[in-house]
Structure formats: structure tokens, C-alpha cells
Amino acid sequence: MKYQTFEEDALSTVIGNLAKDMFLNPSDDSKTNFKMMKQFNASFIRLREKDGQLTIGERIDREKICKNAVQCLIAFDVVSLSNEQFQLIHIEVEVKDINDHAPEFPRKESTLEISENAALGTRISLDVAMDKDVGSNYIQSYQISVNSHFTIDVLSRADGVKYAELVLMKELDRETQASYVLELVATDGGNPPRSSTTKINVKVKDFNDNSPVFSRTNFSVDILEDSPVGFLLLDLNAVDPDDGLNGEVVYGFGNQVPLEIRQRFSIDRKSGQLTLKSPIDFESKKTYEFDIQASDLGPNPRPSICKVVVQVQDVNDNAPEITITPMTPVTAEIAYITEAAAKGSFVALISTADRDSGANGQIHCTLYGHNNFKLQQAYEDSFIIVTTSPLDREQIAEYNLTVVAEDLGSPPLRTSKQYTIRLSDENDNAPVFSKPVYEVSLMENNAPGAYITTVVARDLDLGQNSEIGYELLDTYIIGSPVSTFVSLDPATGSLYALKSLNYEILKQLQLRIQASDGGSPQLQGSAIINLKIVDQNDNAPSITQPALNNGSAEVLLPKDAPSGYVVTQILARDADEGVNAELSFRISEGGSMFSINRATGEIYLNRELNYKDYENLRITVSVSDNGRPLLTTVFTINFSITAGSLPSDRSIFRHRTDEETWEGDHSVIIIVVLAGSCALLLLAIILIATSCNNQKKDNRGDSHSGKVDIVKAHGNHSDPLIAMHSDSVYDIQPSYSNKPNFSGFIQTCGDISCSSEDGTCVFDLEDKSHGVKSEDYSNPPGYGNPMRLIKIWKGTSTISAGDPQFSGKDSGNGDSDYNDSDSDISGDGLRKGKH
């Protein structure tokens, strides 16, 4: 879009309206708006974002902005946003010139010298007037005051500047008039026109017949802008045919050459070489035009003038310039774009410029960094960065891009600029709890306000979008709102119990919690808390049978009840659970007549009743759970003796099982334990005594012959004792059949008959009704065959070789125990039938 305005127009002057000029109707789409992309000189123009109206924002001085440029443009870009679509509008506002500057001569008065013999048509350059205005407001004409000898000729230089030359129309005569005073007036073309005047003093000098002559009156030379100082542009040569000083030529700039030329170039006074005095810049000024004069050293010299035009040639000495203007300006080096931007969204405007001309000023631009963005040409040397795919700040929050601009010069110059694009957060992530389901527990009988747990939710967004608040969703538990049981800290997510909870009433609570972020629109996440109430052993057993009255119960007991009669069964329950509800029964007092099954609570009669037991027949029963601490209920059972038959509706006698544990009176248990201990002690004594007796017998055998004669009993024996008990004598075989039998005599010791042939001994007692029982008895080391221990009993009394009556003690001297003084019995005693 192109608009025009005049410099020095009043502030807020309307320049144009983009909505109207582009045939847009903002009322049809309230989301349409305009945004100015800040650029150089854009502050002179203001943009109304709702409809794109352009007005003057500050004073515009064309001469300050564009100097002597023929066309002065204020260029900037505007983005039109509509329904998340953008349109880049390039706007050029041409600032029209007003005639606010008059022409101005460099000097108010100047002096010229001319020889009286100067030829007609001789030209003398005059001061050039300057006008800051352009176009029609620039200098259009020069006028000289009326005189009889001079006129002016108005010309234009290569750069468009108009100047005047003084032309001689009539021959001069110094003797007639030695000087002339002229006025030169420069007038512009403005309305009304403006003008400026300078005074020219012309002095006529005496005759000098010859003046230096240049080979050419006009010279044009090209110079590269990067030429070094001292570079030779021209080697001028003027010839004067006179002799002596009148023929010696010197060179210099014309009187009207401005200071700028004198500072840029240098002319050698003697040689006439024109050289570069200071660096030149094509981008600053492309053409220099000035006069060089040559004069002799004679009196009244007549200078000759030649015009020199210097054309500055461009070289590729300026690298491209890059200006990046973000869509959302915050800082110069960073652009911001929402992560919700659609594909093809506008991010930033890239403006490039190269002060060089031609191919040196043509620019190629490239974007490096990430495939999510690309460079798109807008117009001429302007480009825009647009998105190529959807963005997600939670994955990549910042992009570092590089813009490279390269001209087409030889060699090409390149400029690169780093640029950062940051994604602004959108509330596109809902809070997420660390767990979807929290399993927590709380011991019952907690104190009100007890801490339970803390839930944590995370939100990947930033700032307010990630600020999380917690709340407890409304549910009802046993008819009451959940908020009466627990509370949730909205800031920290900590859960607290508001009241003391009872496991026997409420075993578990299921709570639904919600986390909400602070974005708009607000997003939520939810989780479940399963709160389990942990049982405590806070309930003692409760007796349900028999019915209690003030801690005691009455139970009927038939007087003819036999031992083992099931009197009653105690039934109890515990409101707790698990081990806290495992019950055991015991009789704590009065248990001599009764016993109780610890597991089932059945009470049994230990023995039949007699008349002495009828009075004050009672027991104290304890029912305990298995919790920690253990809780016990104690009550008393009073038994009432009744006459009559036994009831038939239940089992009369108990049935023992391996799983039952009986409980009686503590004294009975103590007696049983003591009796068992005594029996074990007696058995140990017997075993020790038997072992000692066997050792004595072994020693006795050694004192007689060193051998033991083993006799085997048969049915026919010569010994009358053995024959008498032939029916009661066992045939005892030796334990080691592989040992050779003893050979030798048969020893007869009264009632004892031993045979060395079969290794058998028989003891014969007087009472033939006695039974005989044999037991293996290992022979001590050194004996050929083992011996058998013969036990002899009468009736139910048993006499064994371990009995004291049959014990013998070795004196330790190697002799038989039958001869020991401390032997309890002897061989004679055995023969007399003592036992």
C-alpha cells in the first residue's frame, strides 16, 4: 500500500485506513486487527490496531530524513491478523516536499578578476547556490543585475545541481572602467518562490597577451570507491607560449570550488596532478564536479579553466545488513510465539539491506537451525519466518536460529545473525498425579487432625498454568459428606483426618481428589485415595452364652452327671478382626472339678459329684483375645445342682481330639508334671545301677579263669534244678555264632548250671512256679561269647540281675564278687534259694 503526506503536516493527520483501502470490514470479524512491525522511521507514523488507520505520529522534516533525495519514502510493515491467519502488508508513505527552504549562496560577496583583453564569450564560474528542497521547490533560475558587459548562462551538473557562469558580452577597457559590481539572484520554483542574492565584484586587469591552454576543456574520470588515498586521477597539462614567468603555468581549484571538493581531492600546483586526498564512498556521493584553473606567473595572468567530473564506481565493500522484527517484540534478539500457533504462523520479519548497487546489492537470505521454521520471501529484500509444523513447548521450549544474508558481489559478502525464538506457554497440559490410585492406611482411634498422606500432582506448563490447587470431590460415606471425615490442604495436597475413626464402624474410605491448574481454560486431573482403617485391639471379648447378670451366670448341673459330662459351652465374640478376634478360654479359679476346652469353650465335669460338692460350686472363667495388648473378660459361673435325668438335647460326654486342649485345675497339672519328673529320675537310677552291676559281673568272670563258660540248656539235664524247670527254660542262642565255643568242663554252682559247650547258664530257684525270662546281655570285652541276662519273677514281682539281691561288688583285687566282704549275695545264697 502506498500513501502520500507532506512534510511538516500536523500531528494526528490521517494518512489512510488499511481496513477501508483493503476492503476489510472489521465489524464482520471482530478478531481482525493490525499490528505494526517496528522499523526505521516507523515512529513517524501511528497505527490504530482495530482498523488500521494511519496517522502522523511526530513532526516529519523531509530534508532531515532524506536530505537531497528526489523521492523520500517512509517504509514499514503491518501484519493483519484475522482468524489466526496473517497477511503482511508493506506500506510506503511518500513525504512530499514543501518550499520551506530558500536558496543559499556559500558567500554573500565574491571577487573575480578578468583581463581587459579577454575574448568575447569568456566564461567565469560563479558560486553555486544550494537549496535543501527538491523538485519544483529547488533552484529554477539565476538572474544577474543589469549591466553592459556581462550575462549569465545557467547550466546543470551531472548530479542535477544548477549553476551559473558569467559570460563576457562586450570588450573590456581597463582605462575606461576598472571594476564592475554585479548581483546574482538564485530563485526556486516554490509557491511562493524563495530567492537568495550574492554580490560579485569584477576587477579588470591589465593586458596579458597569452594565457595557459588545456588540451581539453572537460575531463571525466572514473574511480573505484575503494581507491587508496593518493590515487592519481588526472595528470593535467596546460601550455603557455610566453617566455619566462609569463609562460610558467601553475594549477589550482577554481575560486567557486566548495570546501567539500578541496577536502576530497588535491591538485599539485606545479605538475597539475589530480590525486585523491581522502577516502570516497559511492554510497555517500556518486559524482563530483569541479573546475581546475591554470594560470601563468606573469603580471595580470589570464587563467584558463577546465571542468573535471569524477564518477565514483561501486565496489562490493558493504556486507548485507539484517534487521529482525519479531511479531511480539520483547527484546531485539528474541521472538516469542505461542506454542498453540498453527502451521504457517508468522513469527518475525527479516529485512535486509545492502548499500552497494547492482549485483553487489542483491541479497540471498537463508535460515538455519530447525525444520520447524522456514524463511519465506515477502517482497524485494524482506523475508518472513513462518512455522512449518505444530509446536510443543514442553518438548522444545527454545529454538536458536541463524539468519544468513549474502550478496551477489564478487567476492560475495556475508552477514549472519543469531536469533532466538521462545515458545510462550499455553495451558495445554492437565495436572497429573504421581499415582492414579494411592493406597494408604490409618490406625483407628486416631487423634482428630492426624496426618494421613500427601498427594502430589505435576503440571508441565509454566507460570500460572502450572499452579496447582487440590480439592476433595464431594462424596457421601455412611450418609455423611466426605468432608466431615477428612480435609485436604488445597495448596500442599496434604490429607488430614477430621475425626477419630473406628474400624468396627468404617473399615475403608475411597476418596476422589482433583487437581486444577491456574490456566484459562482451567484443566483438571484426578486420582483416588483408598484409605484403609487399621484395626486396633480396642474391644474386649463379649460373652453371648451363658447370659450374664452382673458379671456372673447361673448354670444347671445334674447331680448324677458322670465324669466327662459337658456342663455348658461358653460362646463369646470380639468386635475386632484377625488375631485381635481370636479367642481362648480358661478357668482361672475353682477348676479342680471342671476343665475347659480352650478353643471351643466347652466345660466338662472332671469327676462325679458327691454330697460334699453341692455347696458353693462355682468357677471363674477368663476369655482372652490374641491382640496386643491382650484384652480379657472375666466372669463367674455358679452351678446349681439339680435332680433328674440328664438332658438329651446335647452330647453328654466329651470327645477328645488331637486338636483340643484341655484346661483343668492348676494343682492337677503340677502333680502330673512332678510325677512324670520322678518317673524319669527313677528310670535313670535303674539304668545307672544296671550298668554298674554288669561291670561287676564282668570283673568277677575275669577273677576265676579269665573266661566265661557258656552253657546251653536242653530238655534233658543231669542237674535236677534245670530238669525241674525244663518247661520254663528258654533256648538261648549265642549272639555271635562266628565265635568258637568254649571247650572244657561244666561248672556246677549249686542251683546254677553252666555248660561250656553251648554258652548257656541256667539259674534254678526253689519255687517251680517262677517264670524265667531271658534278655540279651552283651559280654564285656575279652569274653568269647555273649551272655544272656536271666530275669526271674514270681507272680507280678520281677527280680532281675540288676536287682540289689543279685548285685555283686568287685573289690578291685581281681577276685570274685561272691567272696567280697561287701557283696550282697554269694554263691551259697543262691544255692539256698534266696532271692
Foldseek 3Di string as FASTA:
>chain_A
DEWEDAAQDDWFAWTDWPCVVVVHDCVVAVPKWKDWFDDPPCQQWDADTRTGIITGRDGGDQCVQPFADQWGWDWTWMWIDGPLDIDIDIYIYIHAYALPWAWAFPAQEEEAEAELADDFFDKAWDAFIFTRTDDQSGWDDKAKDDDDFWGWDWDADPVGGIGIIIGTHDGGDCVVPFKDKMKMKTWGRHVVIHIDIHIYIYGYFYDDPWWWAWPDQEAEFEDELPDDFFAWTDFTDTFTPDDDQQTQKFKDFHPNFDPVVVQQWDAHGRRRTITGHDGGDCLVPFKDKGKMWMWGRDPPIHIDIHIYMYGYDYALPWAKDKAKGFPDDDDRFEWEAALARAFFRWTIKIAIFTSTDDQSTQKDKAKDWDPQWGWADDDRRMITITGHHHGDCLVPFKTKMKMKMWTRHVVIHIDIDIHMYGHAWALPWAWDKPDQEAEWEDEAQDAAFAWTAAIDTFTSTDDQSTQKFKDWDWDDDPRHTCVCAWGAHRRGRTITGHHGHACLVPFWDKTKMKMWGRHVVIHIDIHIYIYGHDYALPWAKDWPPPDDDPQEEEFEDELAQAFQFFRDAIDIFTSTDDQSTQKFKAWPPQFAQWKAWGRGRTITGHGHDDPVCQPFRKTKMWMWGRGVVIHIRIGMYTYHYDYDDDDDPDDTHDDDDPPTDMYGDPVVVVVVVVVVVVVVVVVVVLVVLVVQQLVQVLLAVCLPPLEAAAAFDDCDDPDVLCVLQVVQDDGDAWPDPVFQFADDDWDDLQQWTGHSHGGHIDGGAPDSVKHKDWAWDQRPPSYRTGYIWIWIDDDPGIDTCSDLCNGFHDPPPSHHSLPDPPRNHHSVRSNVRDD
